[in-house]
Amino acid sequence: MKNFTLILPVFNDWESLNVLIERIENILKKTKYHFSVIIIDDKSTEKNIYSLNKNSFFKDVKILKLKKNIGSQKAIATALKYISDNSENFDDKFIIMDSDGEDDPNKLLDLFNVLEKNHNIKIVTFNRTLRKESLLFSILYEVHLFITFLFTFNYIRFGNFSFITLDIIKKVVTKEELWFAYSATLNKYF
């Protein structure tokens, strides 16, 4: 039986995280896998009032409480470093998602189908198909992507939503760029 660990950064939006975890649980019940969760609390100023594993579906739910707010990219990097340093306590498969509800948990079923067909896959990235930001934000985001392309000749359309294996984590935590941009680091080295 395969075991996956979900990595979810959060800052104050415990309600969205709770909704996301419930949606993930409802979707993952249809699979034959086991799941654990690591929540990276990026020094939230609001208290979590939710039971994040009320049905005991997840094998384990661990909350890493950061001592200061460092932003989602560094929070993800911190979680990956924690996993790398404590790798004996984890299985080999990890899924990173934003906890704001913008990443579609239904895509997890597509991921499992891909992984069943090819056991050698070490990285899968997802594009957000539906963004809830304003028109102005969407336009500025596209301009940002274009400017990034002009400087790097890389068009990075994916965000944090991804699947990676432990050996990729052990390699990516050695890259300084990880502390600035998770997806750009994956794109650059893998």
N, C-alpha and C. Protein backbone atom coordinates (compact mmCIF):
# COMPACT_ATOMS: atom_id res chain seq x y z
N MET A 1 0.85 -1.18 0.00
CA MET A 1 0.00 0.00 0.00
C MET A 1 0.89 1.24 0.00
N LYS A 2 0.58 2.21 -0.86
CA LYS A 2 1.37 3.43 -0.95
C LYS A 2 0.91 4.44 0.08
N ASN A 3 1.90 5.15 0.61
CA ASN A 3 1.65 6.20 1.59
C ASN A 3 2.11 7.53 1.02
N PHE A 4 1.28 8.54 1.12
CA PHE A 4 1.59 9.88 0.66
C PHE A 4 1.51 10.84 1.83
N THR A 5 2.35 11.87 1.79
CA THR A 5 2.29 12.95 2.77
C THR A 5 1.91 14.22 2.04
N LEU A 6 0.84 14.86 2.51
CA LEU A 6 0.42 16.14 1.97
C LEU A 6 1.11 17.26 2.75
N ILE A 7 1.65 18.24 2.04
CA ILE A 7 2.33 19.37 2.65
C ILE A 7 1.50 20.61 2.34
N LEU A 8 1.01 21.28 3.39
CA LEU A 8 0.09 22.39 3.23
C LEU A 8 0.55 23.60 4.05
N PRO A 9 1.06 24.67 3.41
CA PRO A 9 1.40 25.87 4.17
C PRO A 9 0.13 26.67 4.47
N VAL A 10 0.09 27.31 5.65
CA VAL A 10 -1.07 28.13 6.01
C VAL A 10 -0.62 29.35 6.80
N PHE A 11 -1.28 30.45 6.53
CA PHE A 11 -1.12 31.65 7.34
C PHE A 11 -2.51 32.22 7.62
N ASN A 12 -2.99 31.98 8.83
CA ASN A 12 -4.26 32.51 9.33
C ASN A 12 -5.53 31.93 8.70
N ASP A 13 -5.50 31.45 7.50
CA ASP A 13 -6.73 31.02 6.83
C ASP A 13 -7.07 29.57 7.19
N TRP A 14 -7.33 29.35 8.47
CA TRP A 14 -7.63 28.00 8.97
C TRP A 14 -8.96 27.50 8.41
N GLU A 15 -9.89 28.40 8.17
CA GLU A 15 -11.19 27.99 7.63
C GLU A 15 -11.03 27.38 6.23
N SER A 16 -10.27 28.06 5.35
CA SER A 16 -10.03 27.50 4.01
C SER A 16 -9.27 26.18 4.09
N LEU A 17 -8.29 26.12 5.00
CA LEU A 17 -7.55 24.87 5.17
C LEU A 17 -8.48 23.75 5.61
N ASN A 18 -9.36 24.03 6.55
CA ASN A 18 -10.31 23.02 7.02
C ASN A 18 -11.20 22.53 5.89
N VAL A 19 -11.72 23.44 5.08
CA VAL A 19 -12.56 23.07 3.93
C VAL A 19 -11.75 22.22 2.95
N LEU A 20 -10.52 22.65 2.68
CA LEU A 20 -9.66 21.90 1.76
C LEU A 20 -9.41 20.49 2.27
N ILE A 21 -9.08 20.35 3.54
CA ILE A 21 -8.80 19.02 4.10
C ILE A 21 -10.04 18.13 4.01
N GLU A 22 -11.21 18.69 4.27
CA GLU A 22 -12.44 17.90 4.14
C GLU A 22 -12.66 17.47 2.70
N ARG A 23 -12.42 18.38 1.74
CA ARG A 23 -12.55 18.03 0.32
C ARG A 23 -11.55 16.95 -0.07
N ILE A 24 -10.32 17.11 0.39
CA ILE A 24 -9.28 16.12 0.09
C ILE A 24 -9.68 14.76 0.65
N GLU A 25 -10.14 14.73 1.89
CA GLU A 25 -10.55 13.47 2.51
C GLU A 25 -11.66 12.80 1.70
N ASN A 26 -12.67 13.55 1.30
CA ASN A 26 -13.77 12.98 0.52
C ASN A 26 -13.30 12.39 -0.81
N ILE A 27 -12.31 13.03 -1.42
CA ILE A 27 -11.77 12.53 -2.69
C ILE A 27 -10.87 11.32 -2.46
N LEU A 28 -10.03 11.39 -1.44
CA LEU A 28 -9.05 10.34 -1.22
C LEU A 28 -9.65 9.05 -0.65
N LYS A 29 -10.85 9.15 -0.10
CA LYS A 29 -11.53 7.93 0.37
C LYS A 29 -11.74 6.94 -0.76
N LYS A 30 -11.76 7.44 -1.99
CA LYS A 30 -11.99 6.61 -3.17
C LYS A 30 -10.73 5.86 -3.61
N THR A 31 -9.62 6.12 -2.94
CA THR A 31 -8.36 5.50 -3.35
C THR A 31 -7.97 4.39 -2.39
N LYS A 32 -6.92 3.69 -2.75
CA LYS A 32 -6.42 2.59 -1.93
C LYS A 32 -5.17 2.98 -1.13
N TYR A 33 -4.90 4.27 -1.06
CA TYR A 33 -3.68 4.75 -0.44
C TYR A 33 -3.91 5.24 0.99
N HIS A 34 -2.81 5.45 1.69
CA HIS A 34 -2.83 6.03 3.03
C HIS A 34 -2.20 7.41 2.96
N PHE A 35 -2.66 8.31 3.83
CA PHE A 35 -2.21 9.70 3.76
C PHE A 35 -1.89 10.26 5.14
N SER A 36 -0.85 11.07 5.16
CA SER A 36 -0.50 11.88 6.32
C SER A 36 -0.49 13.33 5.86
N VAL A 37 -0.50 14.24 6.81
CA VAL A 37 -0.52 15.67 6.49
C VAL A 37 0.52 16.39 7.34
N ILE A 38 1.27 17.27 6.69
CA ILE A 38 2.13 18.22 7.39
C ILE A 38 1.60 19.61 7.06
N ILE A 39 1.20 20.32 8.10
CA ILE A 39 0.74 21.70 7.94
C ILE A 39 1.86 22.60 8.44
N ILE A 40 2.26 23.57 7.61
CA ILE A 40 3.28 24.51 8.01
C ILE A 40 2.57 25.79 8.41
N ASP A 41 2.48 26.04 9.69
CA ASP A 41 1.84 27.24 10.22
C ASP A 41 2.87 28.38 10.18
N ASP A 42 2.67 29.30 9.23
CA ASP A 42 3.62 30.38 8.99
C ASP A 42 3.41 31.53 9.98
N LYS A 43 3.49 31.18 11.28
CA LYS A 43 3.33 32.13 12.39
C LYS A 43 1.99 32.85 12.31
N SER A 44 0.93 32.06 12.18
CA SER A 44 -0.42 32.63 12.13
C SER A 44 -0.71 33.43 13.39
N THR A 45 -1.42 34.52 13.20
CA THR A 45 -1.84 35.33 14.34
C THR A 45 -3.24 34.93 14.80
N GLU A 46 -3.94 34.19 13.97
CA GLU A 46 -5.26 33.67 14.33
C GLU A 46 -5.12 32.23 14.80
N LYS A 47 -5.87 31.89 15.81
CA LYS A 47 -5.82 30.54 16.38
C LYS A 47 -6.64 29.58 15.53
N ASN A 48 -6.14 28.37 15.39
CA ASN A 48 -6.88 27.31 14.69
C ASN A 48 -7.98 26.78 15.62
N ILE A 49 -9.22 26.87 15.17
CA ILE A 49 -10.35 26.38 15.97
C ILE A 49 -10.95 25.11 15.38
N TYR A 50 -10.30 24.58 14.35
CA TYR A 50 -10.86 23.44 13.63
C TYR A 50 -10.15 22.14 14.00
N SER A 51 -10.91 21.07 13.99
CA SER A 51 -10.34 19.74 14.13
C SER A 51 -9.98 19.28 12.72
N LEU A 52 -8.71 19.26 12.41
CA LEU A 52 -8.27 19.04 11.03
C LEU A 52 -8.21 17.56 10.63
N ASN A 53 -8.57 16.68 11.53
CA ASN A 53 -8.62 15.26 11.20
C ASN A 53 -9.77 14.63 12.00
N LYS A 54 -10.92 15.27 11.95
CA LYS A 54 -12.03 14.87 12.82
C LYS A 54 -12.53 13.46 12.56
N ASN A 55 -12.35 12.96 11.34
CA ASN A 55 -12.79 11.59 11.02
C ASN A 55 -11.66 10.57 11.14
N SER A 56 -10.51 11.02 11.59
CA SER A 56 -9.32 10.16 11.72
C SER A 56 -8.97 9.44 10.42
N PHE A 57 -9.24 10.11 9.31
CA PHE A 57 -8.92 9.52 8.00
C PHE A 57 -7.41 9.51 7.77
N PHE A 58 -6.76 10.60 8.12
CA PHE A 58 -5.32 10.72 7.88
C PHE A 58 -4.55 9.97 8.95
N LYS A 59 -3.52 9.28 8.51
CA LYS A 59 -2.69 8.49 9.41
C LYS A 59 -2.07 9.38 10.49
N ASP A 60 -1.71 10.60 10.10
CA ASP A 60 -1.08 11.54 11.02
C ASP A 60 -1.29 12.95 10.48
N VAL A 61 -1.54 13.89 11.36
CA VAL A 61 -1.58 15.31 11.00
C VAL A 61 -0.62 16.02 11.93
N LYS A 62 0.45 16.55 11.36
CA LYS A 62 1.49 17.23 12.13
C LYS A 62 1.46 18.71 11.74
N ILE A 63 1.52 19.57 12.73
CA ILE A 63 1.58 21.01 12.47
C ILE A 63 2.97 21.50 12.87
N LEU A 64 3.71 22.01 11.89
CA LEU A 64 5.00 22.64 12.16
C LEU A 64 4.75 24.12 12.37
N LYS A 65 4.95 24.61 13.59
CA LYS A 65 4.69 26.01 13.90
C LYS A 65 6.00 26.79 13.76
N LEU A 66 6.01 27.68 12.78
CA LEU A 66 7.20 28.49 12.56
C LEU A 66 7.28 29.62 13.59
N LYS A 67 8.49 30.01 13.95
CA LYS A 67 8.69 31.03 14.98
C LYS A 67 8.45 32.44 14.46
N LYS A 68 8.52 32.61 13.13
CA LYS A 68 8.21 33.91 12.55
C LYS A 68 7.59 33.69 11.18
N ASN A 69 6.87 34.70 10.71
CA ASN A 69 6.23 34.63 9.41
C ASN A 69 7.30 34.83 8.34
N ILE A 70 7.42 33.84 7.45
CA ILE A 70 8.46 33.89 6.42
C ILE A 70 7.92 33.80 5.01
N GLY A 71 6.61 33.66 4.85
CA GLY A 71 6.01 33.55 3.53
C GLY A 71 5.90 32.11 3.08
N SER A 72 5.01 31.88 2.12
CA SER A 72 4.70 30.50 1.73
C SER A 72 5.89 29.78 1.10
N GLN A 73 6.72 30.49 0.31
CA GLN A 73 7.84 29.81 -0.34
C GLN A 73 8.86 29.31 0.67
N LYS A 74 9.19 30.14 1.64
CA LYS A 74 10.14 29.71 2.68
C LYS A 74 9.50 28.70 3.62
N ALA A 75 8.18 28.79 3.81
CA ALA A 75 7.50 27.80 4.65
C ALA A 75 7.58 26.42 3.98
N ILE A 76 7.37 26.38 2.68
CA ILE A 76 7.50 25.12 1.94
C ILE A 76 8.93 24.61 2.02
N ALA A 77 9.89 25.51 1.82
CA ALA A 77 11.30 25.12 1.90
C ALA A 77 11.63 24.57 3.29
N THR A 78 11.08 25.18 4.32
CA THR A 78 11.30 24.72 5.69
C THR A 78 10.74 23.31 5.88
N ALA A 79 9.56 23.07 5.35
CA ALA A 79 8.96 21.73 5.45
C ALA A 79 9.81 20.71 4.72
N LEU A 80 10.29 21.05 3.53
CA LEU A 80 11.11 20.12 2.76
C LEU A 80 12.43 19.82 3.48
N LYS A 81 13.01 20.85 4.08
CA LYS A 81 14.25 20.65 4.86
C LYS A 81 13.97 19.76 6.07
N TYR A 82 12.85 19.99 6.74
CA TYR A 82 12.45 19.16 7.88
C TYR A 82 12.30 17.69 7.45
N ILE A 83 11.66 17.47 6.32
CA ILE A 83 11.47 16.11 5.81
C ILE A 83 12.82 15.48 5.47
N SER A 84 13.67 16.24 4.80
CA SER A 84 14.98 15.72 4.43
C SER A 84 15.80 15.35 5.66
N ASP A 85 15.75 16.20 6.68
CA ASP A 85 16.51 15.94 7.91
C ASP A 85 15.94 14.80 8.74
N ASN A 86 14.66 14.49 8.53
CA ASN A 86 13.99 13.43 9.30
C ASN A 86 13.42 12.37 8.36
N SER A 87 14.12 12.09 7.30
CA SER A 87 13.60 11.22 6.23
C SER A 87 13.24 9.82 6.70
N GLU A 88 13.85 9.36 7.76
CA GLU A 88 13.53 8.01 8.25
C GLU A 88 12.10 7.93 8.79
N ASN A 89 11.50 9.07 9.05
CA ASN A 89 10.12 9.10 9.58
C ASN A 89 9.06 9.24 8.50
N PHE A 90 9.48 9.26 7.24
CA PHE A 90 8.54 9.51 6.15
C PHE A 90 8.64 8.43 5.08
N ASP A 91 7.55 8.31 4.35
CA ASP A 91 7.57 7.45 3.17
C ASP A 91 8.13 8.27 2.01
N ASP A 92 7.98 7.78 0.80
CA ASP A 92 8.68 8.34 -0.34
C ASP A 92 7.89 9.35 -1.16
N LYS A 93 6.60 9.54 -0.91
CA LYS A 93 5.76 10.31 -1.83
C LYS A 93 5.12 11.50 -1.11
N PHE A 94 5.24 12.68 -1.76
CA PHE A 94 4.78 13.93 -1.16
C PHE A 94 3.98 14.75 -2.16
N ILE A 95 2.94 15.38 -1.66
CA ILE A 95 2.12 16.26 -2.48
C ILE A 95 2.06 17.62 -1.78
N ILE A 96 2.45 18.65 -2.51
CA ILE A 96 2.41 20.01 -1.98
C ILE A 96 1.21 20.72 -2.61
N MET A 97 0.41 21.35 -1.75
CA MET A 97 -0.74 22.12 -2.20
C MET A 97 -0.82 23.41 -1.39
N ASP A 98 -1.31 24.47 -2.01
CA ASP A 98 -1.63 25.67 -1.26
C ASP A 98 -2.90 25.40 -0.47
N SER A 99 -3.01 25.99 0.69
CA SER A 99 -4.16 25.71 1.55
C SER A 99 -5.30 26.72 1.36
N ASP A 100 -5.18 27.60 0.38
CA ASP A 100 -6.20 28.62 0.18
C ASP A 100 -7.41 28.14 -0.61
N GLY A 101 -7.39 26.87 -1.04
CA GLY A 101 -8.53 26.32 -1.77
C GLY A 101 -8.47 26.55 -3.27
N GLU A 102 -7.41 27.17 -3.77
CA GLU A 102 -7.29 27.44 -5.20
C GLU A 102 -6.81 26.22 -5.99
N ASP A 103 -6.12 25.30 -5.34
CA ASP A 103 -5.68 24.08 -6.01
C ASP A 103 -6.81 23.06 -5.96
N ASP A 104 -7.10 22.44 -7.08
CA ASP A 104 -8.23 21.53 -7.20
C ASP A 104 -7.86 20.13 -6.71
N PRO A 105 -8.39 19.71 -5.56
CA PRO A 105 -8.04 18.38 -5.04
C PRO A 105 -8.53 17.24 -5.92
N ASN A 106 -9.48 17.48 -6.83
CA ASN A 106 -9.90 16.44 -7.76
C ASN A 106 -8.76 15.99 -8.67
N LYS A 107 -7.78 16.87 -8.87
CA LYS A 107 -6.61 16.54 -9.70
C LYS A 107 -5.76 15.43 -9.07
N LEU A 108 -5.95 15.20 -7.77
CA LEU A 108 -5.19 14.14 -7.11
C LEU A 108 -5.51 12.78 -7.72
N LEU A 109 -6.76 12.57 -8.11
CA LEU A 109 -7.13 11.30 -8.75
C LEU A 109 -6.41 11.13 -10.09
N ASP A 110 -6.25 12.23 -10.83
CA ASP A 110 -5.48 12.18 -12.07
C ASP A 110 -4.02 11.82 -11.78
N LEU A 111 -3.49 12.41 -10.71
CA LEU A 111 -2.11 12.12 -10.31
C LEU A 111 -1.93 10.63 -10.03
N PHE A 112 -2.85 10.05 -9.27
CA PHE A 112 -2.71 8.64 -8.92
C PHE A 112 -2.81 7.76 -10.16
N ASN A 113 -3.63 8.13 -11.11
CA ASN A 113 -3.71 7.39 -12.38
C ASN A 113 -2.39 7.44 -13.12
N VAL A 114 -1.77 8.60 -13.17
CA VAL A 114 -0.48 8.74 -13.84
C VAL A 114 0.59 7.92 -13.12
N LEU A 115 0.60 7.98 -11.80
CA LEU A 115 1.61 7.24 -11.03
C LEU A 115 1.43 5.73 -11.14
N GLU A 116 0.19 5.28 -11.28
CA GLU A 116 -0.06 3.84 -11.46
C GLU A 116 0.49 3.35 -12.80
N LYS A 117 0.45 4.20 -13.81
CA LYS A 117 0.92 3.82 -15.14
C LYS A 117 2.44 3.89 -15.26
N ASN A 118 3.06 4.76 -14.47
CA ASN A 118 4.51 4.92 -14.54
C ASN A 118 5.06 5.08 -13.13
N HIS A 119 5.66 4.04 -12.63
CA HIS A 119 6.18 4.02 -11.25
C HIS A 119 7.49 4.79 -11.10
N ASN A 120 8.08 5.23 -12.21
CA ASN A 120 9.37 5.93 -12.16
C ASN A 120 9.23 7.45 -12.09
N ILE A 121 8.03 7.96 -12.09
CA ILE A 121 7.82 9.40 -12.05
C ILE A 121 8.26 9.94 -10.69
N LYS A 122 9.05 11.01 -10.73
CA LYS A 122 9.57 11.61 -9.51
C LYS A 122 9.00 13.00 -9.25
N ILE A 123 8.50 13.66 -10.31
CA ILE A 123 7.93 15.00 -10.17
C ILE A 123 6.72 15.13 -11.09
N VAL A 124 5.65 15.70 -10.56
CA VAL A 124 4.50 16.09 -11.36
C VAL A 124 4.10 17.47 -10.87
N THR A 125 3.90 18.41 -11.80
CA THR A 125 3.43 19.75 -11.43
C THR A 125 2.06 19.97 -12.04
N PHE A 126 1.30 20.84 -11.41
CA PHE A 126 -0.07 21.14 -11.84
C PHE A 126 -0.21 22.63 -12.11
N ASN A 127 -0.93 22.96 -13.16
CA ASN A 127 -1.32 24.35 -13.41
C ASN A 127 -2.66 24.58 -12.77
N ARG A 128 -2.88 25.79 -12.27
CA ARG A 128 -4.21 26.15 -11.78
C ARG A 128 -5.09 26.41 -13.00
N THR A 129 -6.19 25.72 -13.05
CA THR A 129 -7.09 25.90 -14.19
C THR A 129 -8.11 26.99 -13.94
N LEU A 130 -8.37 27.30 -12.70
CA LEU A 130 -9.35 28.32 -12.36
C LEU A 130 -8.75 29.20 -11.28
N ARG A 131 -8.61 30.48 -11.61
CA ARG A 131 -8.10 31.44 -10.63
C ARG A 131 -9.24 32.35 -10.24
N LYS A 132 -9.31 32.70 -8.97
CA LYS A 132 -10.40 33.53 -8.46
C LYS A 132 -9.99 34.98 -8.25
N GLU A 133 -8.83 35.36 -8.75
CA GLU A 133 -8.37 36.72 -8.57
C GLU A 133 -9.10 37.67 -9.51
N SER A 134 -8.93 38.96 -9.26
CA SER A 134 -9.56 39.99 -10.09
C SER A 134 -8.93 40.01 -11.48
N LEU A 135 -9.60 40.68 -12.40
CA LEU A 135 -9.09 40.82 -13.76
C LEU A 135 -7.74 41.54 -13.75
N LEU A 136 -7.63 42.59 -12.94
CA LEU A 136 -6.37 43.32 -12.86
C LEU A 136 -5.24 42.43 -12.38
N PHE A 137 -5.50 41.62 -11.33
CA PHE A 137 -4.48 40.71 -10.85
C PHE A 137 -4.08 39.72 -11.94
N SER A 138 -5.05 39.18 -12.65
CA SER A 138 -4.78 38.21 -13.71
C SER A 138 -3.91 38.82 -14.81
N ILE A 139 -4.20 40.06 -15.18
CA ILE A 139 -3.40 40.74 -16.21
C ILE A 139 -1.97 40.96 -15.71
N LEU A 140 -1.85 41.46 -14.49
CA LEU A 140 -0.52 41.69 -13.93
C LEU A 140 0.27 40.40 -13.76
N TYR A 141 -0.43 39.32 -13.44
CA TYR A 141 0.22 38.01 -13.31
C TYR A 141 0.78 37.56 -14.65
N GLU A 142 0.00 37.75 -15.72
CA GLU A 142 0.47 37.38 -17.06
C GLU A 142 1.67 38.24 -17.47
N VAL A 143 1.66 39.53 -17.12
CA VAL A 143 2.80 40.41 -17.39
C VAL A 143 4.03 39.91 -16.62
N HIS A 144 3.82 39.53 -15.36
CA HIS A 144 4.91 38.98 -14.54
C HIS A 144 5.50 37.72 -15.21
N LEU A 145 4.65 36.83 -15.68
CA LEU A 145 5.14 35.61 -16.34
C LEU A 145 5.95 35.95 -17.59
N PHE A 146 5.49 36.95 -18.34
CA PHE A 146 6.19 37.34 -19.56
C PHE A 146 7.55 37.95 -19.24
N ILE A 147 7.59 38.82 -18.23
CA ILE A 147 8.87 39.44 -17.84
C ILE A 147 9.83 38.37 -17.33
N THR A 148 9.33 37.44 -16.55
CA THR A 148 10.16 36.32 -16.08
C THR A 148 10.73 35.55 -17.27
N PHE A 149 9.89 35.31 -18.26
CA PHE A 149 10.34 34.60 -19.46
C PHE A 149 11.46 35.38 -20.17
N LEU A 150 11.31 36.71 -20.28
CA LEU A 150 12.32 37.52 -20.95
C LEU A 150 13.68 37.42 -20.27
N PHE A 151 13.69 37.31 -18.94
CA PHE A 151 14.94 37.23 -18.20
C PHE A 151 15.49 35.81 -18.10
N THR A 152 14.63 34.82 -18.07
CA THR A 152 15.07 33.45 -17.81
C THR A 152 14.92 32.51 -19.00
N PHE A 153 14.14 32.91 -19.98
CA PHE A 153 13.77 32.06 -21.12
C PHE A 153 13.06 30.80 -20.67
N ASN A 154 12.45 30.88 -19.51
CA ASN A 154 11.62 29.79 -18.99
C ASN A 154 10.24 30.35 -18.71
N TYR A 155 9.25 29.67 -19.21
CA TYR A 155 7.86 30.08 -18.97
C TYR A 155 7.30 29.13 -17.92
N ILE A 156 7.26 29.60 -16.68
CA ILE A 156 6.83 28.77 -15.56
C ILE A 156 5.37 29.06 -15.29
N ARG A 157 4.53 28.12 -15.59
CA ARG A 157 3.09 28.31 -15.47
C ARG A 157 2.53 27.56 -14.26
N PHE A 158 3.34 26.80 -13.60
CA PHE A 158 2.84 26.04 -12.45
C PHE A 158 3.26 26.71 -11.16
N GLY A 159 2.50 26.42 -10.10
CA GLY A 159 2.80 26.99 -8.80
C GLY A 159 3.30 25.93 -7.85
N ASN A 160 2.78 25.93 -6.64
CA ASN A 160 3.24 25.00 -5.62
C ASN A 160 2.63 23.61 -5.74
N PHE A 161 1.47 23.49 -6.34
CA PHE A 161 0.75 22.21 -6.42
C PHE A 161 1.59 21.22 -7.21
N SER A 162 2.10 20.20 -6.51
CA SER A 162 3.02 19.28 -7.16
C SER A 162 3.14 17.98 -6.37
N PHE A 163 3.70 17.00 -7.04
CA PHE A 163 4.06 15.71 -6.44
C PHE A 163 5.57 15.58 -6.57
N ILE A 164 6.24 15.20 -5.50
CA ILE A 164 7.68 14.93 -5.55
C ILE A 164 8.00 13.75 -4.66
N THR A 165 9.11 13.12 -4.97
CA THR A 165 9.56 11.98 -4.18
C THR A 165 10.66 12.44 -3.20
N LEU A 166 10.96 11.59 -2.25
CA LEU A 166 11.94 11.90 -1.22
C LEU A 166 13.32 12.19 -1.83
N ASP A 167 13.72 11.45 -2.85
CA ASP A 167 15.04 11.72 -3.43
C ASP A 167 15.09 13.10 -4.10
N ILE A 168 13.99 13.57 -4.65
CA ILE A 168 13.95 14.93 -5.19
C ILE A 168 14.03 15.94 -4.05
N ILE A 169 13.33 15.67 -2.95
CA ILE A 169 13.41 16.58 -1.79
C ILE A 169 14.84 16.70 -1.31
N LYS A 170 15.54 15.57 -1.21
CA LYS A 170 16.92 15.60 -0.73
C LYS A 170 17.83 16.39 -1.66
N LYS A 171 17.52 16.39 -2.95
CA LYS A 171 18.31 17.18 -3.91
C LYS A 171 17.91 18.65 -3.88
N VAL A 172 16.61 18.93 -3.83
CA VAL A 172 16.14 20.31 -3.94
C VAL A 172 16.50 21.14 -2.71
N VAL A 173 16.59 20.52 -1.53
CA VAL A 173 16.92 21.29 -0.33
C VAL A 173 18.37 21.78 -0.34
N THR A 174 19.19 21.27 -1.24
CA THR A 174 20.57 21.74 -1.35
C THR A 174 20.68 22.97 -2.24
N LYS A 175 19.60 23.39 -2.86
CA LYS A 175 19.60 24.53 -3.79
C LYS A 175 19.18 25.80 -3.07
N GLU A 176 20.01 26.83 -3.14
CA GLU A 176 19.71 28.10 -2.47
C GLU A 176 18.42 28.73 -2.98
N GLU A 177 18.13 28.53 -4.26
CA GLU A 177 16.95 29.15 -4.88
C GLU A 177 15.64 28.67 -4.25
N LEU A 178 15.67 27.49 -3.63
CA LEU A 178 14.46 26.95 -3.01
C LEU A 178 13.86 27.92 -2.01
N TRP A 179 14.70 28.68 -1.33
CA TRP A 179 14.23 29.59 -0.28
C TRP A 179 13.56 30.83 -0.85
N PHE A 180 13.63 30.98 -2.17
CA PHE A 180 12.98 32.13 -2.83
C PHE A 180 11.76 31.71 -3.64
N ALA A 181 11.87 30.58 -4.35
CA ALA A 181 10.76 30.17 -5.22
C ALA A 181 10.83 28.67 -5.47
N TYR A 182 9.90 27.95 -4.88
CA TYR A 182 9.85 26.49 -5.01
C TYR A 182 9.69 26.07 -6.48
N SER A 183 8.68 26.59 -7.16
CA SER A 183 8.41 26.14 -8.54
C SER A 183 9.55 26.50 -9.48
N ALA A 184 10.13 27.67 -9.32
CA ALA A 184 11.26 28.06 -10.18
C ALA A 184 12.46 27.15 -9.94
N THR A 185 12.67 26.72 -8.70
CA THR A 185 13.77 25.81 -8.40
C THR A 185 13.55 24.46 -9.05
N LEU A 186 12.32 23.95 -8.97
CA LEU A 186 12.02 22.69 -9.66
C LEU A 186 12.27 22.84 -11.15
N ASN A 187 11.81 23.94 -11.71
CA ASN A 187 11.96 24.17 -13.14
C ASN A 187 13.44 24.26 -13.55
N LYS A 188 14.23 24.91 -12.73
CA LYS A 188 15.64 25.10 -13.06
C LYS A 188 16.44 23.82 -13.01
N TYR A 189 16.23 23.00 -11.98
CA TYR A 189 17.09 21.83 -11.76
C TYR A 189 16.49 20.51 -12.21
N PHE A 190 15.19 20.46 -12.40
CA PHE A 190 14.58 19.18 -12.74
C PHE A 190 13.74 19.28 -14.00
